[in-house]
Protein backbone atom coordinates (compact mmCIF):
# COMPACT_ATOMS: atom_id res chain seq x y z
CA MET A 1 177.58 162.23 64.84
CA GLY A 2 174.13 163.08 65.75
CA GLU A 3 172.54 165.05 62.78
CA GLU A 4 170.61 167.35 65.25
CA PHE A 5 173.77 169.25 65.91
CA ASP A 6 174.67 169.88 62.18
CA GLU A 7 173.36 173.42 62.16
CA ILE A 8 175.49 174.54 65.03
CA ARG A 9 178.64 172.16 65.33
CA PRO A 10 182.35 172.88 64.52
CA TYR A 11 183.32 170.95 61.22
CA GLU A 12 184.29 167.40 61.53
CA ALA A 13 187.66 166.20 60.24
CA GLU A 14 186.07 164.74 57.00
CA GLU A 15 184.61 168.32 56.29
CA MET A 16 187.74 170.30 56.75
CA LYS A 17 189.28 170.06 53.25
CA GLN A 18 186.14 171.27 51.56
CA ALA A 19 185.76 174.13 54.30
CA PHE A 20 189.27 175.31 53.31
CA ASP A 21 188.55 175.19 49.56
CA ASP A 22 185.50 177.16 50.13
CA LEU A 23 187.25 179.89 52.21
CA LEU A 24 189.98 180.03 49.40
CA ASN A 25 187.08 180.66 46.90
CA ASP A 26 185.35 183.23 49.05
CA ARG A 27 185.75 186.85 47.45
CA GLN A 28 185.67 188.67 50.85
CA PHE A 29 188.21 186.35 52.47
CA ASN A 30 190.58 187.05 49.61
CA ILE A 31 190.16 190.88 49.94
CA VAL A 32 191.00 190.33 53.85
CA MET A 33 194.08 187.95 52.89
CA LYS A 34 195.37 190.66 50.19
CA GLY A 35 195.43 193.18 53.03
CA PHE A 36 198.05 191.07 54.80
CA ALA A 37 200.33 190.69 51.57
CA PRO A 38 199.17 193.00 48.68
CA TRP A 39 202.25 192.55 46.72
CA LEU A 40 201.28 188.62 46.31
CA PRO A 41 199.28 187.64 43.33
CA LYS A 42 196.18 185.65 44.61
CA SER A 43 197.19 182.40 42.89
CA VAL A 44 200.52 182.68 44.78
CA ARG A 45 198.84 183.52 48.19
CA ASN A 46 196.41 180.71 47.92
CA GLY A 47 199.12 178.30 46.78
CA LEU A 48 201.07 179.19 49.82
CA LEU A 49 197.84 178.78 51.86
CA ARG A 50 197.23 175.19 50.30
CA LEU A 51 200.94 174.22 51.23
CA ALA A 52 200.59 175.29 54.55
CA PHE A 53 197.17 173.25 54.87
CA MET A 54 198.75 170.03 53.73
CA GLY A 55 198.56 167.27 56.44
CA ILE A 56 195.77 169.15 58.40
CA LYS A 57 193.17 166.50 59.03
CA THR A 58 191.30 167.96 62.06
CA PRO A 59 190.26 171.24 63.57
CA LEU A 60 192.95 170.60 66.16
CA ASP A 61 195.53 170.26 63.42
CA PHE A 62 194.39 173.66 62.06
CA GLN A 63 194.68 175.29 65.49
CA LYS A 64 198.10 173.89 66.09
CA ARG A 65 199.20 174.93 62.39
CA PHE A 66 197.51 178.09 61.82
CA MET A 67 196.11 179.50 65.08
CA LYS A 68 198.88 178.77 67.60
CA PRO A 69 201.49 180.86 65.92
CA VAL A 70 199.14 183.79 65.60
CA VAL A 71 198.10 183.71 69.36
CA LYS A 72 201.60 183.35 70.38
CA TYR A 73 202.49 186.42 68.56
CA ILE A 74 199.59 188.27 70.15
CA MET A 75 200.91 187.13 73.39
CA ARG A 76 204.49 188.26 72.59
CA LYS A 77 203.31 191.72 71.07
CA HIS A 78 200.42 192.76 73.17
CA THR A 79 200.92 191.36 76.63
CA ASP A 80 203.68 191.41 79.26
CA GLY A 81 203.27 187.54 79.56
CA CYS A 82 200.37 185.25 79.71
CA SER A 83 200.47 182.23 82.21
CA PHE A 84 198.41 179.55 84.21
CA LEU A 85 199.10 180.76 87.66
CA ASP A 86 198.18 177.86 89.69
CA SER A 87 199.69 174.29 90.19
CA SER A 88 196.20 172.92 90.34
CA ILE A 89 196.04 172.73 86.62
CA ALA A 90 199.05 170.44 86.68
CA SER A 91 197.31 167.99 88.88
CA TYR A 92 194.09 167.81 86.58
CA ASP A 93 193.58 164.19 85.30
CA LYS A 94 194.55 164.82 81.60
CA SER A 95 192.53 161.79 80.39
CA GLN A 96 189.32 163.87 81.56
CA ARG A 97 187.51 166.62 79.64
CA TYR A 98 186.45 169.90 81.30
CA THR A 99 184.13 172.62 80.73
CA PHE A 100 185.73 175.94 81.78
CA VAL A 101 183.35 178.44 82.86
CA SER A 102 185.18 181.84 83.21
CA ASN A 103 184.81 185.49 83.56
CA HIS A 104 184.65 187.25 80.30
CA ARG A 105 187.57 189.61 79.24
CA ASP A 106 187.74 189.14 75.31
CA ILE A 107 185.39 187.41 72.86
CA VAL A 108 188.27 186.21 70.85
CA LEU A 109 191.10 185.84 73.20
CA ASP A 110 189.59 184.53 76.36
CA SER A 111 189.44 181.02 74.60
CA ALA A 112 192.43 181.53 72.36
CA PHE A 113 194.85 182.14 75.02
CA LEU A 114 193.41 179.18 77.17
CA ASP A 115 193.98 176.86 74.06
CA VAL A 116 197.69 177.68 73.79
CA LEU A 117 198.19 177.34 77.67
CA LEU A 118 196.54 174.09 77.61
CA VAL A 119 198.56 172.75 74.75
CA GLU A 120 201.75 173.83 76.46
CA ALA A 121 200.68 172.34 79.71
CA GLY A 122 200.60 168.97 77.92
CA TYR A 123 196.84 168.57 77.45
CA PRO A 124 195.93 166.25 74.50
CA THR A 125 193.32 168.80 73.04
CA THR A 126 192.06 172.35 73.40
CA VAL A 127 188.42 173.91 73.89
CA GLU A 128 185.43 174.05 71.72
CA ILE A 129 183.80 177.60 72.24
CA GLY A 130 180.42 178.95 71.76
CA ILE A 131 180.32 182.11 69.44
CA GLY A 132 177.31 184.22 69.06
CA ASP A 133 175.89 184.33 65.48
CA ASN A 134 175.82 187.99 65.64
CA LEU A 135 179.54 188.02 65.33
CA LEU A 136 179.46 185.66 62.08
CA ILE A 137 178.57 188.62 59.73
CA TYR A 138 180.19 187.10 56.61
CA PRO A 139 180.32 183.30 55.36
CA TRP A 140 184.16 183.32 55.64
CA ILE A 141 184.13 184.27 59.35
CA LYS A 142 181.61 181.39 60.10
CA ARG A 143 183.68 178.83 58.17
CA LEU A 144 186.98 180.01 59.83
CA VAL A 145 185.45 179.74 63.37
CA ARG A 146 183.94 176.52 62.60
CA MET A 147 187.32 175.17 61.38
CA ASN A 148 188.66 176.60 64.69
CA LYS A 149 186.29 174.50 66.86
CA ALA A 150 183.60 177.01 67.43
CA PHE A 151 179.94 175.99 67.81
CA THR A 152 177.09 178.61 67.08
CA VAL A 153 174.99 180.37 69.71
CA ARG A 154 172.00 181.64 68.16
CA ARG A 155 170.83 185.15 69.36
CA GLY A 156 167.97 187.53 68.79
CA LEU A 157 165.43 184.83 68.95
CA SER A 158 161.75 184.91 70.25
CA LEU A 159 161.26 183.35 73.78
CA ARG A 160 160.17 180.07 72.44
CA GLU A 161 162.98 179.76 69.70
CA THR A 162 165.54 180.76 72.59
CA LEU A 163 164.35 177.79 74.73
CA ALA A 164 164.77 175.32 71.98
CA ALA A 165 168.12 176.55 71.01
CA SER A 166 169.36 176.60 74.47
CA GLN A 167 168.22 172.86 75.06
CA LEU A 168 170.02 172.04 71.46
CA MET A 169 173.27 173.78 72.66
CA SER A 170 173.04 172.12 76.15
CA ARG A 171 172.72 168.61 74.36
CA TYR A 172 175.56 169.66 72.11
CA ILE A 173 177.85 170.62 74.95
CA HIS A 174 177.22 167.14 76.98
CA TYR A 175 177.56 165.23 73.86
CA ALA A 176 180.90 167.24 73.02
CA VAL A 177 182.42 166.44 76.55
CA THR A 178 181.07 162.90 77.13
CA GLN A 179 181.21 161.48 73.32
CA LYS A 180 183.57 163.48 71.38
CA ARG A 181 185.82 163.99 74.28
CA GLU A 182 186.35 167.74 73.90
CA ASN A 183 186.79 170.50 76.54
CA ILE A 184 184.46 173.34 76.44
CA TRP A 185 185.05 177.16 77.29
CA ILE A 186 181.94 179.19 78.10
CA ALA A 187 181.64 182.84 79.48
CA GLN A 188 179.84 182.82 83.07
CA ARG A 189 177.47 185.46 81.44
CA GLU A 190 176.25 186.74 78.05
CA GLY A 191 178.48 189.72 77.27
CA ARG A 192 181.28 191.06 79.36
CA ALA A 193 180.82 192.87 82.73
CA LYS A 194 181.35 196.48 81.77
CA ASP A 195 182.46 197.68 85.20
CA SER A 196 184.59 194.31 85.55
CA SER A 197 182.47 193.17 88.53
CA ASP A 198 182.23 189.39 87.32
CA HIS A 199 179.09 187.42 88.32
CA THR A 200 177.84 184.15 86.96
CA GLN A 201 174.35 184.25 85.51
CA ASP A 202 172.19 181.19 86.83
CA ALA A 203 170.62 181.11 83.32
CA VAL A 204 173.98 180.02 81.90
CA LEU A 205 173.99 177.03 84.59
CA LYS A 206 170.54 176.32 84.03
CA MET A 207 171.23 176.00 80.18
CA LEU A 208 174.12 173.63 80.87
CA ALA A 209 172.02 171.49 83.07
CA MET A 210 169.12 171.20 80.35
CA GLY A 211 171.02 168.44 78.45
CA GLY A 212 171.91 166.31 81.41
CA ASP A 213 173.78 165.92 84.63
CA LEU A 214 175.99 168.89 85.36
CA LYS A 215 178.62 166.42 87.01
CA GLU A 216 179.32 164.94 83.56
CA LEU A 217 180.50 168.17 82.29
CA ASN A 218 183.43 168.33 84.79
CA ILE A 219 182.85 172.15 85.30
CA VAL A 220 185.92 174.29 86.34
CA PRO A 221 185.56 177.89 87.41
CA LEU A 222 188.32 179.78 85.55
CA THR A 223 189.65 183.44 86.50
CA ILE A 224 191.07 185.60 83.56
CA SER A 225 193.10 188.69 85.01
CA TYR A 226 194.23 191.51 82.82
CA GLU A 227 196.53 194.12 84.22
CA PHE A 228 195.10 196.54 81.76
CA ASP A 229 191.95 196.27 79.56
CA PRO A 230 192.50 197.62 76.29
CA CYS A 231 188.63 198.11 75.84
CA ASP A 232 188.31 200.18 79.08
CA TYR A 233 187.85 203.49 77.37
CA LEU A 234 185.24 202.09 75.07
CA LYS A 235 183.33 200.60 77.86
CA ALA A 236 183.46 204.05 79.80
CA GLN A 237 182.45 205.71 76.63
CA GLU A 238 179.44 203.36 76.34
CA PHE A 239 178.50 204.10 79.90
CA GLN A 240 178.32 207.87 78.99
CA GLN A 241 176.37 207.31 75.90
CA LYS A 242 173.69 205.30 77.78
CA ARG A 243 173.66 207.74 80.60
CA ASP A 244 173.11 210.78 78.01
CA ASN A 245 170.67 208.50 75.86
CA PRO A 246 169.05 205.45 77.63
CA ALA A 247 167.99 204.12 74.17
CA PHE A 248 171.62 204.05 73.23
CA LYS A 249 172.47 200.60 71.28
CA LYS A 250 175.86 199.71 70.00
CA SER A 251 176.17 199.26 66.26
CA ARG A 252 177.77 196.05 64.51
CA GLN A 253 180.68 198.21 63.69
CA ASP A 254 181.08 199.24 67.61
CA ASP A 255 181.34 195.40 68.07
CA LEU A 256 184.15 195.05 65.42
CA ASP A 257 185.96 197.93 66.77
CA ASN A 258 185.75 196.39 70.23
CA MET A 259 187.03 193.18 68.82
CA LYS A 260 189.92 194.72 67.12
CA THR A 261 190.80 196.92 70.16
CA GLY A 262 190.65 193.74 72.50
CA ILE A 263 192.96 191.67 70.17
CA PHE A 264 195.63 194.31 69.27
CA GLY A 265 195.31 196.71 72.60
CA TYR A 266 198.08 196.35 75.20
CA LYS A 267 197.02 194.07 78.30
CA GLY A 268 199.98 194.20 80.51
CA ARG A 269 200.37 190.92 82.41
CA VAL A 270 197.57 188.26 81.91
CA VAL A 271 196.91 185.39 84.25
CA TYR A 272 194.62 182.44 83.94
CA ARG A 273 194.03 180.54 87.28
CA PRO A 274 191.72 177.55 87.29
CA ALA A 275 189.92 176.67 90.63
CA THR A 276 189.24 172.88 91.48
CA PRO A 277 186.57 171.43 89.60
CA ILE A 278 183.02 171.97 91.19
CA ASN A 279 182.38 168.23 91.39
CA THR A 280 184.59 168.29 94.46
CA TRP A 281 182.14 170.32 96.45
CA ILE A 282 178.64 170.42 94.43
CA ASP A 283 177.12 167.46 96.55
CA GLU A 284 177.37 170.13 99.59
CA LEU A 285 174.46 171.89 97.88
CA SER A 286 172.15 168.88 97.37
CA GLU A 287 170.01 169.82 100.48
CA LEU A 288 168.73 172.81 99.04
CA PRO A 289 165.39 173.22 97.20
CA LYS A 290 165.76 173.39 93.49
CA THR A 291 164.45 176.71 93.34
CA GLU A 292 167.57 178.03 95.33
CA TRP A 293 169.93 175.63 94.04
CA PHE A 294 171.21 177.35 90.64
CA LYS A 295 171.54 180.56 92.67
CA ALA A 296 173.63 179.02 95.50
CA LEU A 297 175.66 177.29 92.81
CA ALA A 298 176.35 180.71 90.88
CA GLU A 299 177.21 182.36 94.00
CA ARG A 300 179.78 179.54 95.03
CA MET A 301 181.39 179.68 91.43
CA ASP A 302 181.54 183.35 91.91
CA CYS A 303 183.36 183.01 95.14
CA GLU A 304 186.02 180.63 93.47
CA ILE A 305 186.48 183.02 90.33
CA HIS A 306 186.76 186.15 92.65
CA ARG A 307 189.45 184.23 94.92
CA GLY A 308 191.26 183.69 91.68
CA TYR A 309 191.96 187.11 90.71
CA GLU A 310 195.45 188.18 90.21
CA LEU A 311 195.53 191.88 91.59
CA TYR A 312 198.09 194.39 90.12
CA PRO A 313 199.30 197.66 91.50
CA CYS A 314 196.55 199.53 89.23
CA ASN A 315 193.81 197.65 90.94
CA TYR A 316 194.70 198.86 94.34
CA ILE A 317 195.48 202.38 93.27
CA ALA A 318 192.11 202.61 91.73
CA LEU A 319 190.23 201.52 94.72
CA ASP A 320 192.35 203.94 97.06
CA GLU A 321 191.65 206.80 94.67
CA LEU A 322 187.80 206.08 94.81
CA ASN A 323 187.78 205.73 98.42
CA GLY A 324 189.97 208.79 98.97
CA ASP A 325 192.40 207.00 101.24
CA HIS A 326 195.74 205.09 101.23
CA ALA A 327 194.41 201.78 102.64
CA TYR A 328 196.23 199.63 100.17
CA ALA A 329 199.25 201.80 99.60
CA ALA A 330 201.46 198.79 100.64
CA HIS A 331 200.61 197.21 97.19
CA TYR A 332 202.02 199.89 94.97
CA THR A 333 204.91 202.53 94.67
CA GLU A 334 205.03 206.09 93.70
CA ALA A 335 206.31 204.98 90.14
CA ASP A 336 203.24 202.55 89.90
CA LYS A 337 200.79 205.48 90.64
CA GLN A 338 202.45 207.74 87.97
CA ARG A 339 202.49 204.83 85.34
CA PHE A 340 198.63 204.32 85.98
CA GLU A 341 197.91 207.81 85.91
CA GLN A 342 199.50 208.22 82.62
CA TYR A 343 197.77 205.27 81.29
CA LEU A 344 194.37 206.65 82.35
CA ALA A 345 195.20 209.94 80.72
CA GLY A 346 196.16 208.21 77.61
CA GLN A 347 192.85 206.27 77.54
CA ILE A 348 190.49 208.94 78.28
CA ALA A 349 192.13 211.04 75.52
CA LYS A 350 190.97 208.39 72.93
CA ILE A 351 187.36 209.04 73.75
CA GLN A 352 185.78 211.10 71.06
CA LEU A 353 182.46 212.30 72.39
CA PRO A 354 181.00 215.91 71.59
CA ASN A 355 179.95 216.34 75.43
CA LYS A 356 182.89 214.48 76.91
CA ASP A 357 182.34 214.25 80.65
CA GLU A 358 186.02 213.60 81.80
CA ALA A 359 185.20 213.17 85.70
CA PHE A 360 182.45 210.46 85.00
CA LEU A 361 184.58 208.64 82.31
CA ARG A 362 187.56 208.55 84.87
CA GLU A 363 185.10 207.44 87.65
CA ARG A 364 183.91 204.63 85.41
CA MET A 365 187.39 203.46 84.46
CA LEU A 366 188.63 203.65 88.00
CA THR A 367 185.63 201.51 89.23
CA MET A 368 186.46 198.81 86.39
CA TYR A 369 189.99 198.52 87.94
CA ALA A 370 188.88 198.76 91.61
CA ASN A 371 186.05 196.00 91.44
CA PRO A 372 188.39 192.89 91.35
CA VAL A 373 189.88 193.91 94.60
CA ARG A 374 186.43 194.66 96.18
CA ASN A 375 185.07 191.10 95.00
CA LYS A 376 188.36 189.32 96.06
CA MET A 377 188.18 190.73 99.54
CA ASP A 378 184.48 189.71 99.80
CA ALA A 379 185.41 186.17 98.74
CA GLN A 380 187.90 185.71 101.19
């Protein structure tokens, strides 16, 4: 393996045992584990974990043994079903590796759900993912995500350092797909779209192109659709905080609260819809000057992602309510409307702000649910 990637890459097979031992010896990791089974002595708890770890040789083994049951539990407990909704994934060549570029709903689950769906669809491997080092706040978290096929995205750098870090990450992604034969998942933009209007940043595509020809990455635009976004009220709250104080910045604790709410909050139905790989149409853009090429590619990918939205009654209700009409009434019932009203009221009630502006918060949340309909209609 190229040593140039040692700082950012996931663990290799031969490093897994040492990483696991280091994890079990980490004081903070043991405090977290104690929270799950406070009645078990540390020696027994770690003994059971060692037993469970037997036979694990690779990060993929680790995902299947430890992570898959956890993610399946989250699917059962906190969604009304999570599925691939498109036959196109079945027709993909399973001997190929892909770079999934998707809209961004949840920092932890976007790729975790995809991993389970790929394994269940008969794919030989899962995805490697980029995780910002701003989330790796303890050594045990960094160890755990590197065991779980994550590579590190360095944040908060100077302009020159950012360029060097982007070039390194791009070379690593090309290396992972072509040499290591891994799939990659990456979000279409840095951070989630707070208003759920998802657009690909051409900076992400430029970064992917730094390390080699985009075609060798086999890029697949992927649409993730949640019926309900458990973080919707936190996003609305942040909109008001920024409106009232333009200098407002989220704290590290806010990031952790968002992660926790995203994982354990109710999501309703969840659908993943992959489009055809961009290699099937990317040559249509070859006539464009380089200055326009990335913008055109980003717009075409947005079109593919927007076309893939699974729309639910709440999306249509939200748009009708914002427009003050019943243009989409055929897509929902009176019962759907009542359910969504109760849901919104419950979410807004969770917002704890001293000068809570309920009308503004409601409008922000309705916009989050309406934008997928607007974007899908534009794409079609």
